[in-house]
Amino acid sequence: MVRPMSPEPVRRIAVAVDGSPCAAQALEVAIDLAQRYEASLAILSVAPIHSMYVSPTEPWVATQVLESESGRYKQIVADAVARAEAQGLSSVTGVCLEGVVVDELLMHLERHPTDLLVLGSRGLSTARRILLGSVSESVLHHVSCPVLIVRERPTPPKPSGSPHA
């Protein structure tokens, strides 16, 4: 007799936010899931490092996160935590990291395992994804937990005055 598989319990949910509309949608989904499963919610953000021009004669220059960027991402996390708490979640943490976005997210999740990661996706075209890279796609291929990708919802067309438009 084959025993039915029981689903793994979802006790810890993590969501990555960056201030974009897609991340806001991912946050709403993560809050809803945390409420449904009575799970804790970790809200993560990464202030990205910025490349600096250096002359070829310089032996090494550290990249850095601009102070204004760091403060902006800390505020994004604080606002997301406040939103989750306002919707009734009691077990919410916020973490703002600095560095290469994908690397920092993966390292954090390795140190703090989660049962589900929720990410927003802008739905870049293939060409833009190849040129710019995709955080959600990179994380998806390297993280060891289930991942829920929340895609941007298309905006419905505006009604026009003419029935033949």
Protein backbone atom coordinates (compact mmCIF):
# COMPACT_ATOMS: atom_id res chain seq x y z
CA MET A 1 0.00 0.00 0.00
CA VAL A 2 1.31 3.42 -0.94
CA ARG A 3 0.96 6.05 1.73
CA PRO A 4 -0.11 9.50 0.54
CA MET A 5 2.56 12.15 0.74
CA SER A 6 1.93 14.80 3.32
CA PRO A 7 2.91 18.33 2.39
CA GLU A 8 5.78 19.92 4.25
CA PRO A 9 4.52 22.44 6.79
CA VAL A 10 5.08 26.07 5.91
CA ARG A 11 6.24 27.70 9.12
CA ARG A 12 8.78 30.24 7.81
CA ILE A 13 8.19 32.43 4.76
CA ALA A 14 10.69 34.91 3.33
CA VAL A 15 9.92 37.63 0.80
CA ALA A 16 12.35 39.91 -1.02
CA VAL A 17 11.34 43.54 -1.54
CA ASP A 18 12.98 46.39 -3.43
CA GLY A 19 10.33 49.10 -3.62
CA SER A 20 9.03 48.05 -7.04
CA PRO A 21 5.36 47.34 -7.83
CA CYS A 22 6.23 43.66 -8.41
CA ALA A 23 7.84 43.43 -4.99
CA ALA A 24 4.76 45.07 -3.44
CA GLN A 25 2.59 42.37 -5.01
CA ALA A 26 4.99 39.68 -3.75
CA LEU A 27 4.77 41.19 -0.25
CA GLU A 28 0.96 41.04 -0.33
CA VAL A 29 1.05 37.38 -1.39
CA ALA A 30 3.61 36.58 1.32
CA ILE A 31 1.51 38.33 3.99
CA ASP A 32 -1.58 36.40 2.87
CA LEU A 33 0.30 33.08 2.98
CA ALA A 34 1.81 33.86 6.38
CA GLN A 35 -1.69 34.56 7.71
CA ARG A 36 -3.14 31.37 6.20
CA TYR A 37 -0.34 29.12 7.47
CA GLU A 38 0.26 31.03 10.72
CA ALA A 39 3.88 31.30 9.61
CA SER A 40 6.61 33.75 10.50
CA LEU A 41 7.55 36.24 7.80
CA ALA A 42 11.06 37.48 7.05
CA ILE A 43 11.17 40.55 4.82
CA LEU A 44 14.49 40.88 3.00
CA SER A 45 16.00 43.65 0.93
CA VAL A 46 19.45 44.21 -0.52
CA ALA A 47 20.96 47.64 -1.11
CA PRO A 48 23.02 46.94 -4.25
CA ILE A 49 26.65 47.86 -4.58
CA HIS A 50 27.55 50.30 -7.32
CA SER A 51 30.44 49.97 -9.70
CA MET A 52 33.01 52.71 -9.62
CA TYR A 53 35.27 53.82 -12.43
CA VAL A 54 38.92 53.31 -11.64
CA SER A 55 41.93 53.93 -13.78
CA PRO A 56 43.83 50.90 -15.05
CA THR A 57 46.74 51.87 -12.81
CA GLU A 58 44.76 51.40 -9.60
CA PRO A 59 45.53 48.02 -8.02
CA TRP A 60 42.14 47.57 -6.32
CA VAL A 61 39.16 49.66 -5.36
CA ALA A 62 36.33 48.45 -3.16
CA THR A 63 32.82 48.94 -4.44
CA GLN A 64 30.38 50.49 -2.07
CA VAL A 65 26.75 51.01 -1.33
CA LEU A 66 25.82 54.66 -1.49
CA GLU A 67 24.59 55.93 1.88
CA SER A 68 21.40 57.27 0.29
CA GLU A 69 20.70 53.85 -1.24
CA SER A 70 21.28 52.07 2.05
CA GLY A 71 18.85 54.38 3.84
CA ARG A 72 16.27 53.96 1.07
CA TYR A 73 16.36 50.17 1.32
CA LYS A 74 16.19 50.26 5.12
CA GLN A 75 13.05 52.39 4.78
CA ILE A 76 11.58 49.94 2.24
CA VAL A 77 12.06 47.12 4.77
CA ALA A 78 10.65 49.19 7.65
CA ASP A 79 7.56 50.10 5.59
CA ALA A 80 7.05 46.45 4.58
CA VAL A 81 7.34 45.26 8.19
CA ALA A 82 4.84 47.91 9.30
CA ARG A 83 2.45 46.82 6.53
CA ALA A 84 2.67 43.16 7.57
CA GLU A 85 2.13 44.02 11.23
CA ALA A 86 -0.81 46.29 10.34
CA GLN A 87 -2.41 43.28 8.64
CA GLY A 88 -2.18 41.26 11.84
CA LEU A 89 1.09 39.34 11.56
CA SER A 90 2.89 39.09 14.87
CA SER A 91 6.03 37.22 13.83
CA VAL A 92 7.66 39.56 11.31
CA THR A 93 11.33 40.41 10.92
CA GLY A 94 13.00 42.79 8.53
CA VAL A 95 16.54 42.48 7.23
CA CYS A 96 18.39 44.95 5.00
CA LEU A 97 21.58 43.60 3.49
CA GLU A 98 24.20 45.29 1.32
CA GLY A 99 26.04 43.83 -1.65
CA VAL A 100 25.34 41.87 -4.81
CA VAL A 101 21.60 41.21 -4.64
CA VAL A 102 21.53 37.54 -5.67
CA ASP A 103 24.59 36.61 -3.60
CA GLU A 104 23.31 38.33 -0.47
CA LEU A 105 19.86 36.76 -0.73
CA LEU A 106 21.33 33.28 -1.22
CA MET A 107 23.78 33.67 1.67
CA HIS A 108 21.05 34.91 3.98
CA LEU A 109 18.74 32.03 3.07
CA GLU A 110 21.57 29.57 3.60
CA ARG A 111 22.13 30.92 7.12
CA HIS A 112 18.41 31.31 7.85
CA PRO A 113 16.54 28.49 6.09
CA THR A 114 12.97 29.14 5.06
CA ASP A 115 10.11 26.89 3.98
CA LEU A 116 9.04 29.21 1.14
CA LEU A 117 10.62 32.16 -0.65
CA VAL A 118 8.34 34.67 -2.39
CA LEU A 119 9.81 36.88 -5.10
CA GLY A 120 8.40 39.41 -7.50
CA SER A 121 9.25 39.26 -11.19
CA ARG A 122 9.05 42.11 -13.64
CA GLY A 123 8.69 39.69 -16.53
CA LEU A 124 11.62 40.98 -18.55
CA SER A 125 11.78 40.03 -22.21
CA THR A 126 14.36 37.41 -23.14
CA ALA A 127 16.72 40.05 -24.55
CA ARG A 128 16.49 42.29 -21.48
CA ARG A 129 16.87 39.28 -19.16
CA ILE A 130 20.07 38.26 -20.99
CA LEU A 131 21.46 41.80 -20.88
CA LEU A 132 20.32 42.81 -17.40
CA GLY A 133 19.96 39.50 -15.63
CA SER A 134 17.02 38.53 -13.50
CA VAL A 135 17.24 38.34 -9.73
CA SER A 136 14.24 36.02 -9.48
CA GLU A 137 15.60 33.68 -12.14
CA SER A 138 19.09 33.57 -10.62
CA VAL A 139 17.78 32.93 -7.12
CA LEU A 140 15.32 30.32 -8.39
CA HIS A 141 18.14 28.23 -9.84
CA HIS A 142 20.35 28.33 -6.75
CA VAL A 143 18.14 28.33 -3.66
CA SER A 144 17.30 25.10 -1.87
CA CYS A 145 13.72 25.90 -0.82
CA PRO A 146 10.47 26.17 -2.81
CA VAL A 147 10.08 29.52 -4.57
CA LEU A 148 6.88 31.33 -5.50
CA ILE A 149 7.36 33.88 -8.28
CA VAL A 150 4.71 36.60 -8.32
CA ARG A 151 4.48 38.12 -11.77
CA GLU A 152 3.31 41.65 -12.45
CA ARG A 153 -0.38 41.67 -13.25
CA PRO A 154 -1.15 43.21 -16.61
CA THR A 155 -3.07 46.45 -16.49
CA PRO A 156 -6.50 46.08 -18.06
CA PRO A 157 -7.03 48.24 -21.15
CA LYS A 158 -8.77 51.52 -20.55
CA PRO A 159 -12.26 51.70 -22.06
CA SER A 160 -12.41 54.03 -25.00
CA GLY A 161 -15.27 56.21 -26.07
CA SER A 162 -15.70 54.39 -29.36
CA PRO A 163 -16.95 50.78 -29.53
CA HIS A 164 -14.66 50.19 -32.56
CA ALA A 165 -11.39 51.37 -30.99
